[in-house]
Amino acid sequence: MYKNSVLIKTSKLLFPFLWPNNRRDLKIRVVFALFSMVFAKIASVYTPLILGDAVDSLTDLSSGINLLLYVPIAIIISYGFVRIASFAFNEIRDALFSKVSQNAIRKVSLKIFKHLHFLSLDFHLSRQTGGLNRYIDRGTKGIDFLLRYVLFNVVPTFIELILVIGILLSLYGYEYALITFVTISIYIILTFTITQWRIQFRKDMNAADNDASTKMIDSLLNFETVKYFNNEDHEFNRLDQSLSKYENAANKNRMSLSLLNVSQTLVIMTGITIMLVLSVFGIKNNSISVGGFVVINAYMLQLYQPLNFLGTIYREIRQSLIDMENMFNLLNEKNNVEDKGNTNLENKNSEIIFNNISFGYHPDRSIIKNLSFKLSRGKTLAIVGPTGAGKSTISKLLFRFYDPLNGEILINNKNIKNYKQLDLRKIIGIVPQDTVLFNDTIYYNISYGEPNATKEEIINASKIAGIHDFIESIPGKYNTLVGERGLKLSGGEKQRVAIARTILKNPSIYFFDEATSALDSSTEKEIIKNLEAISKNKTTLIIAHRLSTISKADNIIVINKGNIVENGNHQKLLDQNGLYADMWNKQKHVS
């Protein structure tokens, strides 16, 4: 049932790429590849018959007639020509189909990649990047194998088998056809049985391989943390445990493969030996010629090679199905934040309303409780509170990474569920608290805010973010590589890159989530002045820990344990002498 299910999924997924409606050139390639396959098999089946005729014609050379010399020579030349034709048509087939298979792999890979980006933040926070990468890598390789070998090797091999049995039956009698049929049947049953037994070893190898890959990548991504705590040996031991499991599974897989190969050779050579012994008696009784002996031997050896390959193909098919199962499971992953919006949202100043919002990442832990506030067009609202109060969760809800459990979020008096998610996220520019950069150049990371921006626009955004002078001071300037996750830059430098790319996006709503937390005081004051300039008269939401950065906000709400406990401007909150005033006095005292 499992096998059939995966095969059905595979067929449904791959057929549109094998026979794409909008690619006539690929369809033509498939047709000509099929014709080449047929011609190759015809030549392959005809080759032993020509060889047999050549052997029989050699017996006439003893008569001394020179003219008879040309007969075996002509037959031998024909034999060479047919052998070359068989090989050539196979190569033409592969060359024609290569573009089809590679196009299919590219399209399927893009489909998987697009689907992964479609999934919710919740999925990506819980994924294991190393294992996920291995799933996709092995899955796409499995697609290549299925496309190339199942279509052009498994089916033709069985066609060739039927033709050979028919030829043996018509030329040499039912005994040879029967022995061939029984030998091949035992061979196939033995191959399938042992291969089925070996499946578990391959599963164990994949599991250990995924675990080792995940641990290796995770350890390298956290290189600095490993060094901070002197845990190199700990990391080596963790990886060695996974590699040891892979080693054991790989050894079992190899030993079982040797058993399979020996068993296959024993069956096929037993069949060949019986047929050759039988043909010796046929020659003695003049029922077959010496050329017939050669034909029978050639056919069996010719069948042995693809049959031996058939065993490999069957193993690889099962392995590919195992490898592709995880990839198909990725396609089955659903986004728990449905995008059913059909209303367009223009990139212009907008009003934001949180109406009785309640939310928690887990059912038993509520983060936000009945939160309500209004941010008018062109105004600035700051949200402050102790760590863990739920401030950063607001950005995830506004971007619709999650949907609230209760209540609704309105933009321009419409629930954000009614807007397309792409439109919603297009009008919001965020500077996150934890800035993660691509392992590319500074220029690329800044231009990510607007990939079509000109160099002048990127430089201008960098100047506003206060990072242009730093970039010009380093040897690579804008072409400097920032390293994995931006680790070659300091926290403040990464944050300013994040500010620059958000400025470049030019959204109508700004969301600053601790946007200056990694900056020194003097740089922070300069950046705040720049941020105030670019966000002037634009709807702006600020989450801040340093209260000095939001003292000019039109309104400030104070959150504690998921609830709004205070509300007002800076002076009003100080006059209330509550939580905000207490936080202000503590920070003022520290500074």
Protein backbone atom coordinates (compact mmCIF):
# COMPACT_ATOMS: atom_id res chain seq x y z
CA MET A 1 0.00 0.00 0.00
CA TYR A 2 2.87 2.34 0.90
CA LYS A 3 4.66 1.58 -2.37
CA ASN A 4 1.53 2.14 -4.47
CA SER A 5 0.78 5.40 -2.67
CA VAL A 6 4.24 6.81 -3.33
CA LEU A 7 4.19 5.57 -6.94
CA ILE A 8 0.85 7.32 -7.51
CA LYS A 9 2.22 10.54 -6.03
CA THR A 10 5.34 10.20 -8.14
CA SER A 11 3.35 9.68 -11.33
CA LYS A 12 1.05 12.62 -10.64
CA LEU A 13 3.97 14.87 -9.86
CA LEU A 14 6.24 13.88 -12.73
CA PHE A 15 3.91 13.32 -15.68
CA PRO A 16 3.23 17.05 -16.31
CA PHE A 17 7.00 17.57 -16.48
CA LEU A 18 7.55 14.59 -18.78
CA TRP A 19 4.85 15.80 -21.13
CA PRO A 20 4.57 19.58 -20.50
CA ASN A 21 1.65 21.22 -22.26
CA ASN A 22 3.52 24.45 -22.98
CA ARG A 23 6.78 22.87 -24.21
CA ARG A 24 6.37 21.37 -27.68
CA ASP A 25 10.14 20.99 -28.00
CA LEU A 26 10.27 18.69 -24.95
CA LYS A 27 7.40 16.58 -26.28
CA ILE A 28 9.29 16.10 -29.54
CA ARG A 29 12.36 15.03 -27.59
CA VAL A 30 10.33 12.43 -25.67
CA VAL A 31 8.89 11.00 -28.90
CA PHE A 32 12.27 10.74 -30.62
CA ALA A 33 13.82 9.29 -27.47
CA LEU A 34 11.16 6.55 -27.49
CA PHE A 35 11.86 5.80 -31.16
CA SER A 36 15.58 5.60 -30.40
CA MET A 37 14.85 3.19 -27.57
CA VAL A 38 12.83 0.93 -29.91
CA PHE A 39 15.55 0.93 -32.61
CA ALA A 40 18.20 0.17 -29.98
CA LYS A 41 16.25 -2.87 -28.73
CA ILE A 42 15.61 -4.16 -32.25
CA ALA A 43 19.33 -3.96 -33.00
CA SER A 44 20.16 -5.56 -29.67
CA VAL A 45 17.85 -8.55 -30.23
CA TYR A 46 19.04 -9.03 -33.81
CA THR A 47 22.76 -9.00 -32.90
CA PRO A 48 23.10 -12.64 -31.61
CA LEU A 49 21.29 -13.98 -34.70
CA ILE A 50 23.84 -12.30 -36.98
CA LEU A 51 26.65 -13.63 -34.81
CA GLY A 52 25.22 -17.17 -35.12
CA ASP A 53 25.03 -16.85 -38.92
CA ALA A 54 28.63 -15.65 -38.97
CA VAL A 55 29.79 -18.71 -37.01
CA ASP A 56 27.89 -21.10 -39.29
CA SER A 57 29.30 -19.40 -42.41
CA LEU A 58 32.83 -19.96 -41.14
CA THR A 59 32.45 -23.73 -41.46
CA ASP A 60 32.20 -23.36 -45.28
CA LEU A 61 35.67 -21.79 -45.59
CA SER A 62 37.33 -25.22 -45.67
CA SER A 63 35.93 -25.85 -49.19
CA GLY A 64 38.60 -23.52 -50.60
CA ILE A 65 36.27 -21.43 -52.75
CA ASN A 66 37.48 -17.81 -52.36
CA LEU A 67 34.06 -16.38 -53.08
CA LEU A 68 32.75 -17.96 -49.86
CA LEU A 69 35.24 -15.85 -47.88
CA TYR A 70 33.18 -12.74 -48.49
CA VAL A 71 30.04 -14.22 -46.95
CA PRO A 72 31.32 -14.45 -43.32
CA ILE A 73 33.16 -11.15 -43.75
CA ALA A 74 29.93 -9.45 -44.86
CA ILE A 75 28.03 -11.02 -41.94
CA ILE A 76 30.72 -10.00 -39.45
CA ILE A 77 30.65 -6.45 -40.79
CA SER A 78 26.86 -6.48 -40.39
CA TYR A 79 27.34 -7.74 -36.82
CA GLY A 80 29.67 -4.82 -36.04
CA PHE A 81 27.29 -2.36 -37.67
CA VAL A 82 24.29 -3.61 -35.63
CA ARG A 83 26.29 -3.51 -32.40
CA ILE A 84 27.31 0.07 -33.12
CA ALA A 85 23.71 0.95 -34.02
CA SER A 86 22.43 -0.50 -30.73
CA PHE A 87 24.96 1.52 -28.74
CA ALA A 88 24.42 4.69 -30.80
CA PHE A 89 20.62 4.62 -30.45
CA ASN A 90 20.97 4.22 -26.68
CA GLU A 91 23.25 7.25 -26.50
CA ILE A 92 20.92 9.27 -28.77
CA ARG A 93 18.04 8.31 -26.48
CA ASP A 94 19.90 9.54 -23.38
CA ALA A 95 21.03 12.73 -25.10
CA LEU A 96 17.49 13.56 -26.25
CA PHE A 97 15.88 12.78 -22.91
CA SER A 98 18.49 14.58 -20.80
CA LYS A 99 16.90 17.98 -21.37
CA VAL A 100 13.47 16.59 -20.44
CA SER A 101 14.69 15.00 -17.20
CA GLN A 102 16.77 18.00 -16.15
CA ASN A 103 13.85 20.34 -16.86
CA ALA A 104 11.62 18.13 -14.71
CA ILE A 105 14.14 18.16 -11.85
CA ARG A 106 14.42 21.95 -12.06
CA LYS A 107 10.65 22.43 -12.04
CA VAL A 108 10.07 19.98 -9.18
CA SER A 109 12.89 21.56 -7.13
CA LEU A 110 11.32 24.98 -7.65
CA LYS A 111 7.94 23.57 -6.65
CA ILE A 112 9.39 22.22 -3.40
CA PHE A 113 11.31 25.44 -2.72
CA LYS A 114 8.24 27.57 -3.38
CA HIS A 115 6.11 25.36 -1.14
CA LEU A 116 8.64 25.65 1.69
CA HIS A 117 8.44 29.44 1.47
CA PHE A 118 4.66 29.15 1.49
CA LEU A 119 4.67 27.31 4.82
CA SER A 120 4.13 29.12 8.10
CA LEU A 121 6.78 30.49 10.44
CA ASP A 122 5.81 27.78 12.92
CA PHE A 123 7.09 25.09 10.51
CA HIS A 124 10.40 26.87 9.87
CA LEU A 125 11.05 27.45 13.57
CA SER A 126 10.75 23.72 14.25
CA ARG A 127 12.55 22.40 11.14
CA GLN A 128 16.04 20.87 11.09
CA THR A 129 17.84 22.63 8.25
CA GLY A 130 20.48 19.94 7.67
CA GLY A 131 17.97 17.09 7.50
CA LEU A 132 15.62 19.15 5.33
CA ASN A 133 18.41 19.81 2.86
CA ARG A 134 19.20 16.08 2.66
CA TYR A 135 15.54 15.25 2.02
CA ILE A 136 15.41 17.59 -0.96
CA ASP A 137 18.83 16.55 -2.30
CA ARG A 138 18.08 12.82 -2.23
CA GLY A 139 14.52 13.35 -3.42
CA THR A 140 15.56 15.24 -6.55
CA LYS A 141 18.23 12.63 -7.30
CA GLY A 142 15.52 9.99 -6.96
CA ILE A 143 13.44 11.85 -9.54
CA ASP A 144 16.37 11.82 -11.97
CA PHE A 145 16.79 8.07 -11.49
CA LEU A 146 13.11 7.27 -11.95
CA LEU A 147 12.79 9.41 -15.04
CA ARG A 148 15.92 8.09 -16.72
CA TYR A 149 15.96 4.39 -15.86
CA VAL A 150 12.40 3.25 -15.26
CA LEU A 151 11.14 4.57 -18.60
CA PHE A 152 14.13 3.58 -20.71
CA ASN A 153 15.52 0.49 -18.99
CA VAL A 154 12.91 -1.46 -17.01
CA VAL A 155 10.19 -1.50 -19.67
CA PRO A 156 12.59 -2.17 -22.61
CA THR A 157 14.27 -4.97 -20.66
CA PHE A 158 10.99 -6.83 -20.24
CA ILE A 159 10.16 -6.27 -23.91
CA GLU A 160 13.55 -7.68 -24.86
CA LEU A 161 12.98 -10.66 -22.56
CA ILE A 162 9.67 -11.49 -24.28
CA LEU A 163 11.29 -11.20 -27.73
CA VAL A 164 14.21 -13.45 -26.77
CA ILE A 165 11.88 -16.14 -25.36
CA GLY A 166 9.86 -15.98 -28.59
CA ILE A 167 12.99 -16.34 -30.75
CA LEU A 168 14.31 -19.28 -28.72
CA LEU A 169 10.90 -20.98 -28.89
CA SER A 170 10.61 -20.59 -32.67
CA LEU A 171 14.21 -21.47 -33.58
CA TYR A 172 15.37 -24.05 -31.00
CA GLY A 173 12.34 -25.47 -29.22
CA TYR A 174 10.26 -25.02 -26.10
CA GLU A 175 12.98 -26.41 -23.76
CA TYR A 176 15.23 -23.37 -24.24
CA ALA A 177 12.32 -20.93 -23.93
CA LEU A 178 11.07 -22.68 -20.78
CA ILE A 179 14.50 -22.73 -19.11
CA THR A 180 14.93 -19.02 -19.91
CA PHE A 181 11.49 -18.19 -18.51
CA VAL A 182 12.04 -20.20 -15.28
CA THR A 183 15.55 -18.79 -14.78
CA ILE A 184 14.42 -15.21 -15.22
CA SER A 185 11.35 -15.72 -13.01
CA ILE A 186 13.46 -17.12 -10.16
CA TYR A 187 15.95 -14.29 -10.68
CA ILE A 188 13.26 -11.61 -10.44
CA ILE A 189 11.52 -13.16 -7.40
CA LEU A 190 14.86 -13.56 -5.61
CA THR A 191 15.85 -9.98 -6.44
CA PHE A 192 12.58 -8.50 -5.19
CA THR A 193 12.55 -10.62 -2.00
CA ILE A 194 16.10 -9.81 -0.91
CA THR A 195 15.76 -6.16 -1.92
CA GLN A 196 12.60 -5.86 0.17
CA TRP A 197 14.54 -7.25 3.14
CA ARG A 198 17.33 -4.71 2.56
CA ILE A 199 14.95 -1.72 2.67
CA GLN A 200 15.25 -1.39 6.44
CA PHE A 201 19.02 -1.04 6.22
CA ARG A 202 18.59 1.83 3.76
CA LYS A 203 16.07 3.52 6.06
CA ASP A 204 18.52 3.23 8.95
CA MET A 205 21.26 4.75 6.76
CA ASN A 206 19.03 7.67 5.78
CA ALA A 207 18.00 8.35 9.37
CA ALA A 208 21.62 8.31 10.56
CA ASP A 209 22.70 10.44 7.58
CA ASN A 210 20.00 13.05 8.31
CA ASP A 211 20.94 13.11 11.99
CA ALA A 212 24.66 13.53 11.23
CA SER A 213 24.01 16.25 8.65
CA THR A 214 21.74 18.16 11.03
CA LYS A 215 24.23 18.00 13.90
CA MET A 216 27.12 19.02 11.64
CA ILE A 217 25.35 22.05 10.15
CA ASP A 218 23.88 23.11 13.49
CA SER A 219 27.31 22.92 15.13
CA LEU A 220 28.99 24.94 12.37
CA LEU A 221 26.27 27.60 12.47
CA ASN A 222 26.90 27.91 16.21
CA PHE A 223 30.69 27.95 15.82
CA GLU A 224 31.18 30.84 18.23
CA THR A 225 29.02 29.27 20.93
CA VAL A 226 31.07 26.07 20.71
CA LYS A 227 34.25 28.09 21.20
CA TYR A 228 32.80 30.13 24.07
CA PHE A 229 32.14 26.98 26.11
CA ASN A 230 35.11 24.86 24.97
CA ASN A 231 32.74 22.17 23.75
CA GLU A 232 34.62 20.97 20.67
CA ASP A 233 35.00 17.45 22.09
CA HIS A 234 31.32 17.39 23.00
CA GLU A 235 30.40 18.28 19.40
CA PHE A 236 32.83 15.69 18.02
CA ASN A 237 31.30 12.99 20.24
CA ARG A 238 27.74 13.92 19.27
CA LEU A 239 28.61 13.72 15.59
CA ASP A 240 30.59 10.51 16.07
CA GLN A 241 27.52 8.81 17.57
CA SER A 242 25.49 9.58 14.45
CA LEU A 243 28.34 8.62 12.11
CA SER A 244 28.77 5.35 14.02
CA LYS A 245 25.09 4.53 13.45
CA TYR A 246 25.54 5.32 9.76
CA GLU A 247 28.65 3.13 9.61
CA ASN A 248 26.82 0.14 11.10
CA ALA A 249 23.82 0.57 8.81
CA ALA A 250 26.09 1.01 5.77
CA ASN A 251 28.00 -2.19 6.60
CA LYS A 252 24.76 -4.18 6.87
CA ASN A 253 23.60 -2.64 3.62
CA ARG A 254 26.85 -3.61 1.86
CA MET A 255 26.86 -7.19 3.19
CA SER A 256 23.25 -7.73 2.16
CA LEU A 257 24.11 -6.33 -1.28
CA SER A 258 26.92 -8.88 -1.64
CA LEU A 259 24.48 -11.66 -0.71
CA LEU A 260 22.07 -10.43 -3.37
CA ASN A 261 24.75 -10.23 -6.06
CA VAL A 262 26.04 -13.75 -5.34
CA SER A 263 22.49 -15.15 -5.37
CA GLN A 264 21.69 -13.43 -8.68
CA THR A 265 24.88 -14.72 -10.32
CA LEU A 266 24.21 -18.25 -9.05
CA VAL A 267 20.69 -18.30 -10.55
CA ILE A 268 21.58 -16.79 -13.93
CA MET A 269 24.74 -18.89 -14.44
CA THR A 270 22.87 -22.07 -13.49
CA GLY A 271 20.31 -21.30 -16.19
CA ILE A 272 23.02 -20.54 -18.77
CA THR A 273 24.92 -23.74 -17.92
CA ILE A 274 21.83 -25.92 -18.27
CA MET A 275 20.98 -24.38 -21.64
CA LEU A 276 24.53 -24.78 -22.97
CA VAL A 277 24.68 -28.42 -21.87
CA LEU A 278 21.34 -28.98 -23.56
CA SER A 279 22.62 -27.31 -26.74
CA VAL A 280 25.65 -29.67 -26.79
CA PHE A 281 23.25 -32.59 -27.13
CA GLY A 282 21.38 -30.61 -29.79
CA ILE A 283 24.55 -30.21 -31.84
CA LYS A 284 25.27 -33.93 -31.53
CA ASN A 285 21.76 -34.73 -32.76
CA ASN A 286 22.04 -32.12 -35.57
CA SER A 287 18.95 -30.32 -34.21
CA ILE A 288 20.94 -27.10 -33.85
CA SER A 289 24.15 -25.81 -35.39
CA VAL A 290 27.30 -24.53 -33.76
CA GLY A 291 26.00 -21.06 -34.61
CA GLY A 292 22.87 -21.90 -32.61
CA PHE A 293 25.07 -22.73 -29.61
CA VAL A 294 26.66 -19.29 -29.94
CA VAL A 295 23.25 -17.62 -30.32
CA ILE A 296 21.88 -19.24 -27.16
CA ASN A 297 24.96 -18.28 -25.15
CA ALA A 298 24.94 -14.73 -26.55
CA TYR A 299 21.25 -14.25 -25.73
CA MET A 300 21.66 -15.40 -22.14
CA LEU A 301 24.74 -13.26 -21.59
CA GLN A 302 22.99 -10.36 -23.29
CA LEU A 303 19.99 -10.79 -20.97
CA TYR A 304 22.21 -11.20 -17.92
CA GLN A 305 23.61 -7.70 -18.13
CA PRO A 306 20.29 -5.83 -18.17
CA LEU A 307 18.83 -8.31 -15.69
CA ASN A 308 21.72 -7.69 -13.35
CA PHE A 309 21.12 -3.99 -13.92
CA LEU A 310 17.42 -4.62 -13.35
CA GLY A 311 18.26 -5.80 -9.86
CA THR A 312 20.18 -2.59 -9.29
CA ILE A 313 17.34 -0.57 -10.78
CA TYR A 314 14.79 -2.24 -8.53
CA ARG A 315 16.95 -1.52 -5.49
CA GLU A 316 17.37 2.06 -6.61
CA ILE A 317 13.65 2.43 -7.29
CA ARG A 318 12.82 1.33 -3.77
CA GLN A 319 15.59 3.51 -2.40
CA SER A 320 14.34 6.46 -4.47
CA LEU A 321 10.82 5.94 -3.17
CA ILE A 322 12.15 6.00 0.38
CA ASP A 323 14.19 9.12 -0.36
CA MET A 324 11.25 10.80 -2.08
CA GLU A 325 8.81 10.00 0.73
CA ASN A 326 10.25 12.74 2.92
CA MET A 327 10.15 15.19 0.01
CA PHE A 328 6.51 14.36 -0.69
CA ASN A 329 5.78 14.81 3.02
CA LEU A 330 7.10 18.36 2.65
CA LEU A 331 4.52 18.96 -0.07
CA ASN A 332 1.87 17.61 2.29
CA GLU A 333 2.77 20.16 4.95
CA LYS A 334 -0.01 22.71 5.26
CA ASN A 335 0.25 26.38 6.10
CA ASN A 336 -1.73 26.92 9.28
CA VAL A 337 -2.21 30.58 8.28
CA GLU A 338 -4.48 30.39 5.24
CA ASP A 339 -4.17 33.02 2.54
CA LYS A 340 -7.77 33.50 1.38
CA GLY A 341 -7.61 37.26 1.07
CA ASN A 342 -8.96 38.77 -2.14
CA THR A 343 -8.84 42.48 -1.35
CA ASN A 344 -5.96 44.59 -2.63
CA LEU A 345 -4.10 46.81 -0.17
CA GLU A 346 -2.39 49.93 -1.48
CA ASN A 347 0.98 51.05 -0.19
CA LYS A 348 -0.19 54.23 1.50
CA ASN A 349 -0.66 55.46 5.05
CA SER A 350 -2.93 53.12 6.92
CA GLU A 351 -4.74 52.93 10.23
CA ILE A 352 -4.07 49.88 12.42
CA ILE A 353 -6.45 48.57 15.08
CA PHE A 354 -5.87 45.62 17.42
CA ASN A 355 -9.29 44.63 18.73
CA ASN A 356 -9.39 42.28 21.77
CA ILE A 357 -6.45 40.20 20.55
CA SER A 358 -5.52 37.05 22.48
CA PHE A 359 -2.70 34.75 21.42
CA GLY A 360 -0.33 32.07 22.67
CA TYR A 361 2.23 29.88 20.89
CA HIS A 362 1.02 26.93 22.94
CA PRO A 363 -2.52 26.29 24.22
CA ASP A 364 -1.38 26.16 27.84
CA ARG A 365 0.56 29.44 27.70
CA SER A 366 -1.13 32.71 26.81
CA ILE A 367 1.20 35.51 25.62
CA ILE A 368 -1.29 38.29 24.80
CA LYS A 369 -4.64 38.72 26.55
CA ASN A 370 -7.45 40.87 25.15
CA LEU A 371 -5.06 43.44 23.71
CA SER A 372 -6.70 46.49 22.12
CA PHE A 373 -5.13 49.66 20.73
CA LYS A 374 -5.43 52.01 17.77
CA LEU A 375 -2.66 53.51 15.64
CA SER A 376 -3.96 56.36 13.48
CA ARG A 377 -2.63 57.25 10.02
CA GLY A 378 0.69 59.05 10.08
CA LYS A 379 1.10 58.69 13.85
CA THR A 380 3.73 56.93 15.95
CA LEU A 381 2.84 54.37 18.59
CA ALA A 382 5.43 52.89 20.95
CA ILE A 383 5.04 49.66 22.87
CA VAL A 384 7.16 49.08 25.96
CA GLY A 385 7.24 46.64 28.80
CA PRO A 386 9.34 44.06 30.61
CA THR A 387 11.04 41.20 28.74
CA GLY A 388 8.58 38.47 27.84
CA ALA A 389 5.56 40.77 28.02
CA GLY A 390 4.56 39.91 24.42
CA LYS A 391 5.87 42.96 22.56
CA SER A 392 7.64 41.17 19.68
CA THR A 393 4.71 38.82 19.23
CA ILE A 394 2.72 41.81 17.97
CA SER A 395 4.94 42.04 14.87
CA LYS A 396 4.39 38.36 14.06
CA LEU A 397 0.63 38.85 14.31
CA LEU A 398 0.69 42.01 12.18
CA PHE A 399 2.68 40.21 9.46
CA ARG A 400 0.25 37.26 9.72
CA PHE A 401 2.95 34.77 10.58
CA TYR A 402 0.31 33.64 13.06
CA ASP A 403 -3.39 34.33 13.43
CA PRO A 404 -4.75 35.43 16.81
CA LEU A 405 -6.77 32.93 18.81
CA ASN A 406 -9.39 35.59 19.51
CA GLY A 407 -10.12 39.10 18.26
CA GLU A 408 -9.20 40.74 14.98
CA ILE A 409 -6.52 43.00 13.53
CA LEU A 410 -7.83 45.75 11.26
CA ILE A 411 -6.03 47.85 8.68
CA ASN A 412 -8.19 50.59 7.20
CA ASN A 413 -11.20 49.09 9.02
CA LYS A 414 -10.84 45.70 7.33
CA ASN A 415 -9.62 42.46 8.92
CA ILE A 416 -6.13 41.70 7.63
CA LYS A 417 -7.38 38.19 6.76
CA ASN A 418 -9.26 39.86 3.89
CA TYR A 419 -6.03 41.14 2.35
CA LYS A 420 -3.59 39.12 0.29
CA GLN A 421 -0.58 38.28 2.43
CA LEU A 422 1.84 39.55 -0.22
CA ASP A 423 0.05 42.91 -0.31
CA LEU A 424 -0.04 43.09 3.48
CA ARG A 425 3.68 42.44 3.88
CA LYS A 426 4.55 44.76 1.02
CA ILE A 427 3.31 47.85 2.87
CA ILE A 428 5.09 47.02 6.15
CA GLY A 429 8.81 47.56 6.64
CA ILE A 430 10.35 45.96 9.72
CA VAL A 431 13.70 46.27 11.44
CA PRO A 432 13.71 43.12 13.60
CA GLN A 433 15.36 42.74 16.95
CA ASP A 434 17.48 39.82 15.72
CA THR A 435 18.95 40.67 12.32
CA VAL A 436 19.90 37.73 10.10
CA LEU A 437 21.71 38.41 6.82
CA PHE A 438 22.29 36.31 3.71
CA ASN A 439 25.77 34.91 3.15
CA ASP A 440 26.37 37.40 0.36
CA THR A 441 27.68 40.95 -0.08
CA ILE A 442 26.63 44.00 1.89
CA TYR A 443 25.27 45.42 -1.36
CA TYR A 444 23.04 42.38 -1.89
CA ASN A 445 21.73 42.44 1.68
CA ILE A 446 20.79 46.10 1.47
CA SER A 447 19.29 45.74 -2.01
CA TYR A 448 17.10 42.93 -0.67
CA GLY A 449 14.69 45.63 0.47
CA GLU A 450 14.08 46.49 -3.20
CA PRO A 451 15.94 44.20 -5.64
CA ASN A 452 15.32 46.59 -8.55
CA ALA A 453 16.77 49.63 -6.76
CA THR A 454 19.59 51.60 -8.35
CA LYS A 455 23.04 51.87 -6.79
CA GLU A 456 22.38 55.53 -5.94
CA GLU A 457 19.21 54.57 -4.04
CA ILE A 458 21.10 51.87 -2.12
CA ILE A 459 23.88 54.29 -1.18
CA ASN A 460 21.31 56.89 -0.08
CA ALA A 461 19.57 54.31 2.15
CA SER A 462 22.96 53.39 3.61
CA LYS A 463 23.68 57.04 4.42
CA ILE A 464 20.35 57.45 6.18
CA ALA A 465 21.05 54.27 8.16
CA GLY A 466 24.48 55.60 9.12
CA ILE A 467 26.47 52.72 7.64
CA HIS A 468 27.77 54.21 4.37
CA ASP A 469 30.96 55.60 5.90
CA PHE A 470 31.75 52.26 7.54
CA ILE A 471 31.22 50.41 4.24
CA GLU A 472 33.51 52.80 2.37
CA SER A 473 36.21 52.33 5.01
CA ILE A 474 36.59 48.56 4.51
CA PRO A 475 38.61 47.07 1.60
CA GLY A 476 35.72 45.33 -0.18
CA LYS A 477 33.31 48.24 0.32
CA TYR A 478 29.80 47.23 -0.81
CA ASN A 479 31.12 43.93 -2.25
CA THR A 480 32.26 42.72 1.18
CA LEU A 481 30.87 39.28 2.06
CA VAL A 482 29.06 39.31 5.40
CA GLY A 483 29.47 35.56 6.13
CA GLU A 484 26.96 32.96 7.31
CA ARG A 485 23.99 34.78 8.89
CA GLY A 486 26.08 37.97 8.79
CA LEU A 487 28.59 36.78 11.40
CA LYS A 488 31.45 38.85 9.90
CA LEU A 489 29.65 42.03 10.96
CA SER A 490 29.11 43.30 14.48
CA GLY A 491 25.63 43.44 15.97
CA GLY A 492 25.39 47.18 15.36
CA GLU A 493 26.61 46.87 11.77
CA LYS A 494 24.07 44.16 11.03
CA GLN A 495 21.33 46.27 12.54
CA ARG A 496 22.23 49.26 10.39
CA VAL A 497 22.18 47.05 7.28
CA ALA A 498 18.69 45.96 8.33
CA ILE A 499 17.65 49.60 8.74
CA ALA A 500 19.07 50.46 5.31
CA ARG A 501 17.18 47.71 3.50
CA THR A 502 13.95 48.67 5.27
CA ILE A 503 14.45 52.30 4.23
CA LEU A 504 15.04 51.09 0.67
CA LYS A 505 11.74 49.19 0.74
CA ASN A 506 9.97 52.51 1.35
CA PRO A 507 6.87 51.07 3.07
CA SER A 508 3.87 53.02 4.26
CA ILE A 509 4.04 51.38 7.71
CA TYR A 510 7.27 51.22 9.68
CA PHE A 511 7.75 48.64 12.41
CA PHE A 512 10.88 49.08 14.52
CA ASP A 513 11.40 46.13 16.88
CA GLU A 514 14.28 47.17 19.13
CA ALA A 515 15.79 48.70 15.99
CA THR A 516 18.72 50.34 17.82
CA SER A 517 19.33 47.82 20.61
CA ALA A 518 22.79 46.86 19.28
CA LEU A 519 24.02 50.43 18.78
CA ASP A 520 26.13 52.61 21.05
CA SER A 521 24.52 55.72 22.51
CA SER A 522 26.01 58.27 20.09
CA THR A 523 25.21 56.18 17.00
CA GLU A 524 21.78 55.44 18.41
CA LYS A 525 20.92 59.13 18.71
CA GLU A 526 22.03 59.74 15.12
CA ILE A 527 20.03 56.78 13.79
CA ILE A 528 16.95 57.72 15.78
CA LYS A 529 17.09 61.19 14.26
CA ASN A 530 17.31 59.64 10.78
CA LEU A 531 14.49 57.18 11.51
CA GLU A 532 12.29 60.01 12.74
CA ALA A 533 12.96 61.86 9.50
CA ILE A 534 12.07 58.95 7.17
CA SER A 535 9.02 57.91 9.21
CA LYS A 536 7.65 61.41 9.61
CA ASN A 537 3.94 61.51 8.76
CA LYS A 538 4.02 57.74 8.23
CA THR A 539 2.26 55.17 10.37
CA THR A 540 4.97 53.90 12.72
CA LEU A 541 4.95 51.20 15.37
CA ILE A 542 7.95 51.00 17.69
CA ILE A 543 8.86 48.31 20.19
CA ALA A 544 11.58 49.54 22.49
CA HIS A 545 13.44 48.63 25.61
CA ARG A 546 15.31 51.93 25.91
CA LEU A 547 12.59 54.41 26.74
CA SER A 548 14.71 57.37 25.63
CA THR A 549 14.25 56.25 22.02
CA ILE A 550 10.45 56.61 22.08
CA SER A 551 9.92 59.68 24.25
CA LYS A 552 8.64 61.66 21.23
CA ALA A 553 6.05 59.05 20.21
CA ASP A 554 2.45 60.30 19.85
CA ASN A 555 1.25 57.54 22.12
CA ILE A 556 2.91 54.90 24.31
CA ILE A 557 1.31 51.75 25.64
CA VAL A 558 2.87 49.73 28.43
CA ILE A 559 2.37 45.96 28.32
CA ASN A 560 2.90 43.62 31.24
CA LYS A 561 2.09 39.91 31.16
CA GLY A 562 0.17 40.33 27.90
CA ASN A 563 -2.08 43.15 29.10
CA ILE A 564 -2.00 46.91 28.60
CA VAL A 565 -1.42 48.39 32.02
CA GLU A 566 -0.72 52.02 31.04
CA ASN A 567 -1.44 54.26 28.06
CA GLY A 568 -0.48 57.84 27.15
CA ASN A 569 2.35 60.04 25.95
CA HIS A 570 5.74 60.23 27.64
CA GLN A 571 4.93 63.02 30.08
CA LYS A 572 1.53 61.65 30.99
CA LEU A 573 3.00 58.25 31.82
CA LEU A 574 5.69 59.84 33.97
CA ASP A 575 3.01 61.78 35.85
CA GLN A 576 1.11 58.55 36.54
CA ASN A 577 4.16 57.31 38.46
CA GLY A 578 3.44 53.69 37.47
CA LEU A 579 5.37 50.95 35.70
CA TYR A 580 6.56 53.25 32.91
CA ALA A 581 7.86 55.83 35.37
CA ASP A 582 9.59 53.09 37.34
CA MET A 583 11.29 51.76 34.17
CA TRP A 584 12.28 55.31 33.17
CA ASN A 585 13.85 56.06 36.55
CA LYS A 586 15.81 52.80 36.56
CA GLN A 587 17.20 53.40 33.05
CA LYS A 588 17.96 57.02 33.89
CA HIS A 589 19.79 55.92 37.00
CA VAL A 590 21.81 53.31 35.07
CA SER A 591 22.77 55.80 32.34
